[in-house]
C-alpha atoms as a PDB file:
ATOM      1  CA  UNK A   1       0.000   0.000   0.000  1.00  0.00           C
ATOM      2  CA  UNK A   2       1.455   3.398  -1.049  1.00  0.00           C
ATOM      3  CA  UNK A   3       0.009   6.595   0.475  1.00  0.00           C
ATOM      4  CA  UNK A   4       1.306   9.964  -0.705  1.00  0.00           C
ATOM      5  CA  UNK A   5       0.500  13.396   0.759  1.00  0.00           C
ATOM      6  CA  UNK A   6      -2.095  12.197   3.260  1.00  0.00           C
ATOM      7  CA  UNK A   7      -2.667  13.191   6.867  1.00  0.00           C
ATOM      8  CA  UNK A   8      -1.288  11.401   9.928  1.00  0.00           C
ATOM      9  CA  UNK A   9      -4.799  10.328  10.845  1.00  0.00           C
ATOM     10  CA  UNK A  10      -5.235   8.500   7.542  1.00  0.00           C
ATOM     11  CA  UNK A  11      -1.772   6.923   7.834  1.00  0.00           C
ATOM     12  CA  UNK A  12      -2.511   5.688  11.359  1.00  0.00           C
ATOM     13  CA  UNK A  13      -5.822   4.187  10.235  1.00  0.00           C
ATOM     14  CA  UNK A  14      -4.238   2.491   7.205  1.00  0.00           C
ATOM     15  CA  UNK A  15      -1.240   1.154   9.120  1.00  0.00           C
ATOM     16  CA  UNK A  16      -2.982  -1.762  10.933  1.00  0.00           C
ATOM     17  CA  UNK A  17      -4.343  -3.121   7.638  1.00  0.00           C
ATOM     18  CA  UNK A  18      -0.763  -3.987   6.648  1.00  0.00           C
ATOM     19  CA  UNK A  19      -0.039  -5.988   9.815  1.00  0.00           C
ATOM     20  CA  UNK A  20      -0.261  -9.739  10.379  1.00  0.00           C
ATOM     21  CA  UNK A  21      -0.253 -12.054  13.416  1.00  0.00           C
ATOM     22  CA  UNK A  22       2.161 -10.809  16.123  1.00  0.00           C
ATOM     23  CA  UNK A  23       2.387  -7.301  14.673  1.00  0.00           C
ATOM     24  CA  UNK A  24      -1.399  -6.975  14.524  1.00  0.00           C
ATOM     25  CA  UNK A  25      -1.710  -8.264  18.098  1.00  0.00           C
ATOM     26  CA  UNK A  26       0.837  -5.658  19.222  1.00  0.00           C
ATOM     27  CA  UNK A  27      -1.160  -2.871  17.568  1.00  0.00           C
ATOM     28  CA  UNK A  28      -4.385  -3.971  19.278  1.00  0.00           C
ATOM     29  CA  UNK A  29      -2.594  -3.914  22.647  1.00  0.00           C
ATOM     30  CA  UNK A  30      -1.876  -0.162  22.382  1.00  0.00           C
ATOM     31  CA  UNK A  31      -3.797   2.020  24.820  1.00  0.00           C
ATOM     32  CA  UNK A  32      -6.593   4.078  23.229  1.00  0.00           C
ATOM     33  CA  UNK A  33      -5.635   7.709  22.496  1.00  0.00           C
ATOM     34  CA  UNK A  34      -1.959   6.961  23.258  1.00  0.00           C
ATOM     35  CA  UNK A  35      -0.743   7.714  19.703  1.00  0.00           C
ATOM     36  CA  UNK A  36      -0.592  11.351  18.564  1.00  0.00           C
ATOM     37  CA  UNK A  37       1.218  11.010  15.219  1.00  0.00           C
ATOM     38  CA  UNK A  38       2.204   8.459  12.631  1.00  0.00           C
ATOM     39  CA  UNK A  39       5.865   9.192  13.373  1.00  0.00           C
ATOM     40  CA  UNK A  40       5.294   8.195  17.009  1.00  0.00           C
ATOM     41  CA  UNK A  41       3.495   5.016  15.913  1.00  0.00           C
ATOM     42  CA  UNK A  42       6.318   4.146  13.525  1.00  0.00           C
ATOM     43  CA  UNK A  43       8.988   4.635  16.212  1.00  0.00           C
ATOM     44  CA  UNK A  44       7.123   2.469  18.729  1.00  0.00           C
ATOM     45  CA  UNK A  45       6.692  -0.270  16.163  1.00  0.00           C
ATOM     46  CA  UNK A  46      10.379  -0.326  15.223  1.00  0.00           C
ATOM     47  CA  UNK A  47      11.585  -0.306  18.842  1.00  0.00           C
ATOM     48  CA  UNK A  48       9.266  -3.175  19.740  1.00  0.00           C
ATOM     49  CA  UNK A  49      10.160  -5.482  16.849  1.00  0.00           C
ATOM     50  CA  UNK A  50      13.805  -4.642  16.130  1.00  0.00           C
ATOM     51  CA  UNK A  51      14.964  -7.105  18.802  1.00  0.00           C
ATOM     52  CA  UNK A  52      12.992  -9.937  17.176  1.00  0.00           C
ATOM     53  CA  UNK A  53      14.680  -9.605  13.806  1.00  0.00           C
ATOM     54  CA  UNK A  54      16.428 -12.767  12.721  1.00  0.00           C
ATOM     55  CA  UNK A  55      20.166 -12.227  12.930  1.00  0.00           C
ATOM     56  CA  UNK A  56      21.894 -14.036  10.089  1.00  0.00           C
ATOM     57  CA  UNK A  57      25.340 -15.438  10.821  1.00  0.00           C
ATOM     58  CA  UNK A  58      28.441 -14.857   8.720  1.00  0.00           C
ATOM     59  CA  UNK A  59      30.804 -17.444   7.286  1.00  0.00           C
ATOM     60  CA  UNK A  60      33.322 -16.935  10.132  1.00  0.00           C
ATOM     61  CA  UNK A  61      30.851 -18.581  12.517  1.00  0.00           C
ATOM     62  CA  UNK A  62      31.453 -21.901  10.736  1.00  0.00           C
ATOM     63  CA  UNK A  63      34.928 -22.033  12.276  1.00  0.00           C
ATOM     64  CA  UNK A  64      33.251 -22.580  15.650  1.00  0.00           C
ATOM     65  CA  UNK A  65      31.671 -25.835  14.438  1.00  0.00           C
ATOM     66  CA  UNK A  66      34.151 -28.550  15.449  1.00  0.00           C
ATOM     67  CA  UNK A  67      33.777 -32.301  15.859  1.00  0.00           C
ATOM     68  CA  UNK A  68      33.692 -33.309  19.522  1.00  0.00           C
ATOM     69  CA  UNK A  69      35.873 -36.073  20.985  1.00  0.00           C
ATOM     70  CA  UNK A  70      33.244 -38.825  20.908  1.00  0.00           C
ATOM     71  CA  UNK A  71      31.025 -37.310  18.226  1.00  0.00           C
ATOM     72  CA  UNK A  72      30.326 -39.406  15.145  1.00  0.00           C
ATOM     73  CA  UNK A  73      30.961 -38.045  11.665  1.00  0.00           C
ATOM     74  CA  UNK A  74      27.206 -38.200  10.982  1.00  0.00           C
ATOM     75  CA  UNK A  75      26.380 -35.943  13.972  1.00  0.00           C
ATOM     76  CA  UNK A  76      29.127 -33.461  13.094  1.00  0.00           C
ATOM     77  CA  UNK A  77      27.954 -33.373   9.475  1.00  0.00           C
ATOM     78  CA  UNK A  78      24.390 -32.660  10.631  1.00  0.00           C
ATOM     79  CA  UNK A  79      25.439 -29.776  12.912  1.00  0.00           C
ATOM     80  CA  UNK A  80      27.680 -28.291  10.249  1.00  0.00           C
ATOM     81  CA  UNK A  81      24.968 -28.484   7.597  1.00  0.00           C
ATOM     82  CA  UNK A  82      22.427 -26.817   9.921  1.00  0.00           C
ATOM     83  CA  UNK A  83      24.877 -23.961  10.546  1.00  0.00           C
ATOM     84  CA  UNK A  84      25.414 -23.365   6.817  1.00  0.00           C
ATOM     85  CA  UNK A  85      21.667 -22.823   6.339  1.00  0.00           C
ATOM     86  CA  UNK A  86      21.879 -19.727   8.572  1.00  0.00           C
ATOM     87  CA  UNK A  87      24.457 -18.026   6.352  1.00  0.00           C
ATOM     88  CA  UNK A  88      23.491 -16.048   3.257  1.00  0.00           C
ATOM     89  CA  UNK A  89      25.540 -16.322   0.067  1.00  0.00           C
ATOM     90  CA  UNK A  90      27.985 -18.809   1.559  1.00  0.00           C
ATOM     91  CA  UNK A  91      30.970 -19.412  -0.699  1.00  0.00           C
ATOM     92  CA  UNK A  92      31.621 -23.096  -1.435  1.00  0.00           C
ATOM     93  CA  UNK A  93      35.369 -22.733  -0.901  1.00  0.00           C
ATOM     94  CA  UNK A  94      34.793 -21.252   2.571  1.00  0.00           C
ATOM     95  CA  UNK A  95      32.360 -24.050   3.366  1.00  0.00           C
ATOM     96  CA  UNK A  96      34.903 -26.635   2.175  1.00  0.00           C
ATOM     97  CA  UNK A  97      37.732 -25.182   4.276  1.00  0.00           C
ATOM     98  CA  UNK A  98      35.575 -24.817   7.397  1.00  0.00           C
ATOM     99  CA  UNK A  99      34.380 -28.436   7.175  1.00  0.00           C
ATOM    100  CA  UNK A 100      37.957 -29.730   6.945  1.00  0.00           C
ATOM    101  CA  UNK A 101      39.137 -27.551   9.844  1.00  0.00           C
ATOM    102  CA  UNK A 102      36.232 -28.706  11.985  1.00  0.00           C
ATOM    103  CA  UNK A 103      37.072 -32.409  11.716  1.00  0.00           C
ATOM    104  CA  UNK A 104      38.628 -34.156  14.701  1.00  0.00           C
ATOM    105  CA  UNK A 105      42.354 -34.244  13.739  1.00  0.00           C
ATOM    106  CA  UNK A 106      42.998 -37.835  14.842  1.00  0.00           C
ATOM    107  CA  UNK A 107      39.951 -39.301  13.091  1.00  0.00           C
ATOM    108  CA  UNK A 108      40.299 -41.767  10.218  1.00  0.00           C
ATOM    109  CA  UNK A 109      38.250 -39.534   7.944  1.00  0.00           C
ATOM    110  CA  UNK A 110      40.402 -36.459   8.627  1.00  0.00           C
ATOM    111  CA  UNK A 111      43.514 -38.506   7.858  1.00  0.00           C
ATOM    112  CA  UNK A 112      41.974 -39.772   4.617  1.00  0.00           C
ATOM    113  CA  UNK A 113      40.868 -36.371   3.261  1.00  0.00           C
ATOM    114  CA  UNK A 114      44.181 -34.746   4.172  1.00  0.00           C
ATOM    115  CA  UNK A 115      46.081 -37.554   2.493  1.00  0.00           C
ATOM    116  CA  UNK A 116      43.904 -37.384  -0.640  1.00  0.00           C
ATOM    117  CA  UNK A 117      42.006 -34.046  -0.677  1.00  0.00           C
ATOM    118  CA  UNK A 118      38.654 -34.309  -2.535  1.00  0.00           C
ATOM    119  CA  UNK A 119      39.167 -30.847  -4.053  1.00  0.00           C
ATOM    120  CA  UNK A 120      35.624 -29.490  -3.735  1.00  0.00           C
ATOM    121  CA  UNK A 121      32.644 -29.568  -1.383  1.00  0.00           C
ATOM    122  CA  UNK A 122      30.585 -31.977  -3.474  1.00  0.00           C
ATOM    123  CA  UNK A 123      33.349 -34.590  -3.561  1.00  0.00           C
ATOM    124  CA  UNK A 124      34.065 -34.032   0.149  1.00  0.00           C
ATOM    125  CA  UNK A 125      30.438 -34.683   1.124  1.00  0.00           C
ATOM    126  CA  UNK A 126      30.285 -37.778  -1.080  1.00  0.00           C
ATOM    127  CA  UNK A 127      33.356 -39.146   0.692  1.00  0.00           C
ATOM    128  CA  UNK A 128      31.904 -38.197   4.086  1.00  0.00           C
ATOM    129  CA  UNK A 129      28.660 -40.024   3.313  1.00  0.00           C
ATOM    130  CA  UNK A 130      30.607 -43.196   2.474  1.00  0.00           C
ATOM    131  CA  UNK A 131      32.462 -42.991   5.778  1.00  0.00           C
ATOM    132  CA  UNK A 132      29.186 -42.418   7.620  1.00  0.00           C
ATOM    133  CA  UNK A 133      27.750 -45.560   6.017  1.00  0.00           C
ATOM    134  CA  UNK A 134      30.873 -47.484   7.024  1.00  0.00           C
ATOM    135  CA  UNK A 135      30.620 -46.213  10.627  1.00  0.00           C
ATOM    136  CA  UNK A 136      26.969 -47.250  10.830  1.00  0.00           C
ATOM    137  CA  UNK A 137      27.770 -50.634   9.282  1.00  0.00           C
ATOM    138  CA  UNK A 138      30.533 -51.335  11.814  1.00  0.00           C
ATOM    139  CA  UNK A 139      28.420 -50.090  14.717  1.00  0.00           C
ATOM    140  CA  UNK A 140      25.531 -52.343  13.698  1.00  0.00           C
ATOM    141  CA  UNK A 141      27.718 -55.444  13.446  1.00  0.00           C
ATOM    142  CA  UNK A 142      29.552 -54.596  16.672  1.00  0.00           C
ATOM    143  CA  UNK A 143      26.194 -54.547  18.449  1.00  0.00           C
ATOM    144  CA  UNK A 144      25.173 -57.871  16.926  1.00  0.00           C
ATOM    145  CA  UNK A 145      28.406 -59.502  18.079  1.00  0.00           C
ATOM    146  CA  UNK A 146      27.729 -58.246  21.600  1.00  0.00           C
ATOM    147  CA  UNK A 147      24.205 -59.650  21.524  1.00  0.00           C
ATOM    148  CA  UNK A 148      25.536 -62.978  20.256  1.00  0.00           C
ATOM    149  CA  UNK A 149      28.045 -63.248  23.120  1.00  0.00           C
ATOM    150  CA  UNK A 150      25.344 -62.530  25.697  1.00  0.00           C
ATOM    151  CA  UNK A 151      23.126 -65.197  24.161  1.00  0.00           C
ATOM    152  CA  UNK A 152      25.975 -67.724  24.280  1.00  0.00           C
ATOM    153  CA  UNK A 153      26.613 -66.956  27.962  1.00  0.00           C
ATOM    154  CA  UNK A 154      22.918 -67.363  28.714  1.00  0.00           C
ATOM    155  CA  UNK A 155      22.732 -70.727  26.965  1.00  0.00           C
ATOM    156  CA  UNK A 156      25.928 -71.856  28.705  1.00  0.00           C
ATOM    157  CA  UNK A 157      24.446 -71.038  32.116  1.00  0.00           C
ATOM    158  CA  UNK A 158      21.261 -72.946  31.286  1.00  0.00           C
ATOM    159  CA  UNK A 159      23.178 -76.031  30.129  1.00  0.00           C
ATOM    160  CA  UNK A 160      25.560 -76.069  33.089  1.00  0.00           C
ATOM    161  CA  UNK A 161      24.281 -78.555  35.721  1.00  0.00           C
ATOM    162  CA  UNK A 162      24.051 -77.321  39.304  1.00  0.00           C
ATOM    163  CA  UNK A 163      26.845 -78.383  41.660  1.00  0.00           C
ATOM    164  CA  UNK A 164      26.324 -81.930  42.939  1.00  0.00           C
ATOM    165  CA  UNK A 165      23.357 -82.520  40.646  1.00  0.00           C
ATOM    166  CA  UNK A 166      22.277 -83.290  37.115  1.00  0.00           C
ATOM    167  CA  UNK A 167      21.103 -80.945  34.387  1.00  0.00           C
ATOM    168  CA  UNK A 168      17.526 -79.843  34.879  1.00  0.00           C
ATOM    169  CA  UNK A 169      14.817 -80.876  32.435  1.00  0.00           C
ATOM    170  CA  UNK A 170      14.749 -77.330  31.089  1.00  0.00           C
ATOM    171  CA  UNK A 171      18.492 -77.282  30.330  1.00  0.00           C
ATOM    172  CA  UNK A 172      18.339 -80.728  28.715  1.00  0.00           C
ATOM    173  CA  UNK A 173      15.414 -79.586  26.583  1.00  0.00           C
ATOM    174  CA  UNK A 174      17.222 -76.431  25.527  1.00  0.00           C
ATOM    175  CA  UNK A 175      20.300 -78.477  24.610  1.00  0.00           C
ATOM    176  CA  UNK A 176      18.377 -80.402  21.952  1.00  0.00           C
ATOM    177  CA  UNK A 177      16.093 -77.594  20.872  1.00  0.00           C
ATOM    178  CA  UNK A 178      16.582 -76.956  17.119  1.00  0.00           C
ATOM    179  CA  UNK A 179      18.193 -73.619  16.355  1.00  0.00           C
ATOM    180  CA  UNK A 180      16.184 -71.101  14.375  1.00  0.00           C
ATOM    181  CA  UNK A 181      17.566 -70.580  10.863  1.00  0.00           C
ATOM    182  CA  UNK A 182      19.357 -67.292  10.212  1.00  0.00           C
ATOM    183  CA  UNK A 183      17.601 -64.887   7.821  1.00  0.00           C
ATOM    184  CA  UNK A 184      18.743 -61.697   6.110  1.00  0.00           C
ATOM    185  CA  UNK A 185      15.328 -60.022   6.157  1.00  0.00           C
ATOM    186  CA  UNK A 186      16.024 -57.773   9.140  1.00  0.00           C
ATOM    187  CA  UNK A 187      19.427 -56.525   7.993  1.00  0.00           C
ATOM    188  CA  UNK A 188      19.703 -52.959   6.693  1.00  0.00           C
ATOM    189  CA  UNK A 189      20.241 -53.039   2.897  1.00  0.00           C
ATOM    190  CA  UNK A 190      23.511 -51.512   1.712  1.00  0.00           C
ATOM    191  CA  UNK A 191      23.400 -48.551  -0.683  1.00  0.00           C
ATOM    192  CA  UNK A 192      26.981 -49.197  -1.818  1.00  0.00           C
ATOM    193  CA  UNK A 193      28.827 -52.267  -3.063  1.00  0.00           C
ATOM    194  CA  UNK A 194      30.758 -54.313  -0.464  1.00  0.00           C
ATOM    195  CA  UNK A 195      33.960 -53.605  -2.386  1.00  0.00           C
ATOM    196  CA  UNK A 196      33.355 -49.838  -2.076  1.00  0.00           C
ATOM    197  CA  UNK A 197      32.657 -50.088   1.648  1.00  0.00           C
ATOM    198  CA  UNK A 198      35.749 -52.273   2.139  1.00  0.00           C
ATOM    199  CA  UNK A 199      37.888 -49.721   0.300  1.00  0.00           C
ATOM    200  CA  UNK A 200      36.751 -46.991   2.720  1.00  0.00           C
ATOM    201  CA  UNK A 201      37.145 -48.986   5.955  1.00  0.00           C
ATOM    202  CA  UNK A 202      40.124 -51.213   5.174  1.00  0.00           C
ATOM    203  CA  UNK A 203      42.410 -49.100   7.415  1.00  0.00           C
ATOM    204  CA  UNK A 204      39.967 -49.096  10.333  1.00  0.00           C
ATOM    205  CA  UNK A 205      41.330 -51.034  13.321  1.00  0.00           C
ATOM    206  CA  UNK A 206      37.810 -52.140  14.230  1.00  0.00           C
ATOM    207  CA  UNK A 207      37.582 -54.201  11.037  1.00  0.00           C
ATOM    208  CA  UNK A 208      38.144 -57.921  11.676  1.00  0.00           C
ATOM    209  CA  UNK A 209      39.595 -59.761   8.705  1.00  0.00           C
ATOM    210  CA  UNK A 210      38.387 -63.342   8.090  1.00  0.00           C
ATOM    211  CA  UNK A 211      40.457 -66.506   8.108  1.00  0.00           C
ATOM    212  CA  UNK A 212      41.793 -68.021   4.903  1.00  0.00           C
ATOM    213  CA  UNK A 213      39.316 -69.935   2.771  1.00  0.00           C
ATOM    214  CA  UNK A 214      39.254 -73.627   3.683  1.00  0.00           C
ATOM    215  CA  UNK A 215      38.160 -74.947   0.307  1.00  0.00           C
ATOM    216  CA  UNK A 216      40.768 -76.502  -1.985  1.00  0.00           C
ATOM    217  CA  UNK A 217      42.654 -73.879  -4.014  1.00  0.00           C
ATOM    218  CA  UNK A 218      42.661 -76.016  -7.165  1.00  0.00           C
ATOM    219  CA  UNK A 219      38.862 -76.165  -7.073  1.00  0.00           C
ATOM    220  CA  UNK A 220      38.450 -72.381  -7.103  1.00  0.00           C
ATOM    221  CA  UNK A 221      38.289 -69.977 -10.037  1.00  0.00           C
ATOM    222  CA  UNK A 222      41.700 -68.276 -10.208  1.00  0.00           C
ATOM    223  CA  UNK A 223      40.299 -65.471 -12.382  1.00  0.00           C
ATOM    224  CA  UNK A 224      38.185 -64.173  -9.475  1.00  0.00           C
ATOM    225  CA  UNK A 225      39.778 -62.375  -6.516  1.00  0.00           C
ATOM    226  CA  UNK A 226      38.254 -61.330  -3.195  1.00  0.00           C
ATOM    227  CA  UNK A 227      39.999 -58.433  -1.420  1.00  0.00           C
ATOM    228  CA  UNK A 228      38.169 -59.255   1.822  1.00  0.00           C
ATOM    229  CA  UNK A 229      39.403 -62.868   2.042  1.00  0.00           C
ATOM    230  CA  UNK A 230      42.622 -61.953   0.200  1.00  0.00           C
ATOM    231  CA  UNK A 231      42.262 -65.078  -1.933  1.00  0.00           C
ATOM    232  CA  UNK A 232      40.897 -66.229  -5.285  1.00  0.00           C
ATOM    233  CA  UNK A 233      37.698 -68.125  -5.966  1.00  0.00           C
ATOM    234  CA  UNK A 234      35.102 -65.334  -5.933  1.00  0.00           C
ATOM    235  CA  UNK A 235      34.892 -61.527  -6.108  1.00  0.00           C
ATOM    236  CA  UNK A 236      34.544 -59.117  -3.216  1.00  0.00           C
ATOM    237  CA  UNK A 237      30.949 -58.313  -4.195  1.00  0.00           C
ATOM    238  CA  UNK A 238      29.838 -61.967  -4.592  1.00  0.00           C
END
């Protein structure tokens, strides 16, 4: 609405028609006959709402986003990405540099990107996403191994006869109970090939390499090589 060469009274009456929600509620809260000019109304409005203006951050604030000691790469990535959304016209090179500086120096990912710099933000985030997938994969399997050990201890306690006695009927029944077949239905599907994941996590100390294949070498296909088993007979992805 554009009003030219009109009186203060008209301006004051037209002003509330331009307001919405909180601003309109503020106007209605004014005491009757407390405004004597449009200039006074304008000043009151600005003083009341200037503190509620959204303060946009500058690119220097990204340098304060650092990966904590026990923080996963996924959590750090999420915090960093949220911070970038609060900065207008953020330069990609500044974003790239700030992300690298924010990484925990002794982390595997920081070592990898400093050894072989991705070169740009897009490539850096692609590499970060692969490491995040690898971290989640290792964490999932580490948890399953822990659950398996607890189950073995439980079964061992049930099968161990009490001192000076014989195994109870329950333990004898459990000993011959058929084991449920293992299924893959509940496992999280991978969005990258096993060979790609192995390439990213091969230097991780948490990775446990398997034993040598027990099948006869002369019975295996020598044209196929598995980097995980470090032997021929099949590929890493099959």
